[in-house]
Amino acid sequence: MKRSALSQASMKKSLSLLLIFVMALNVFAFPVLASNDVAYIYKSNRAVDENVVEVFEGLGLSVELIS
């Protein structure tokens, strides 16, 4: 019986540490996840295809135009 209680305490401690690790990872990963979804790289303003930009935005992605 004593060994089982020790095992349960060890499992609870491991689960708590895992939960804390996942929460910390989410906090530090948030700035990366909050960035733009798609980067559209172009040479001139005339080369930007608005249809492509609209398709990405229609899928719920944010688009950043990069010259």
Foldseek 3Di string as FASTA:
>chain_A
DVVVVVVVVVVVVVVVVVVVVVVVCCVVCVVVVPDFDEEAEDDDPVPDDVVVCVVCVVVVTGYHYHD
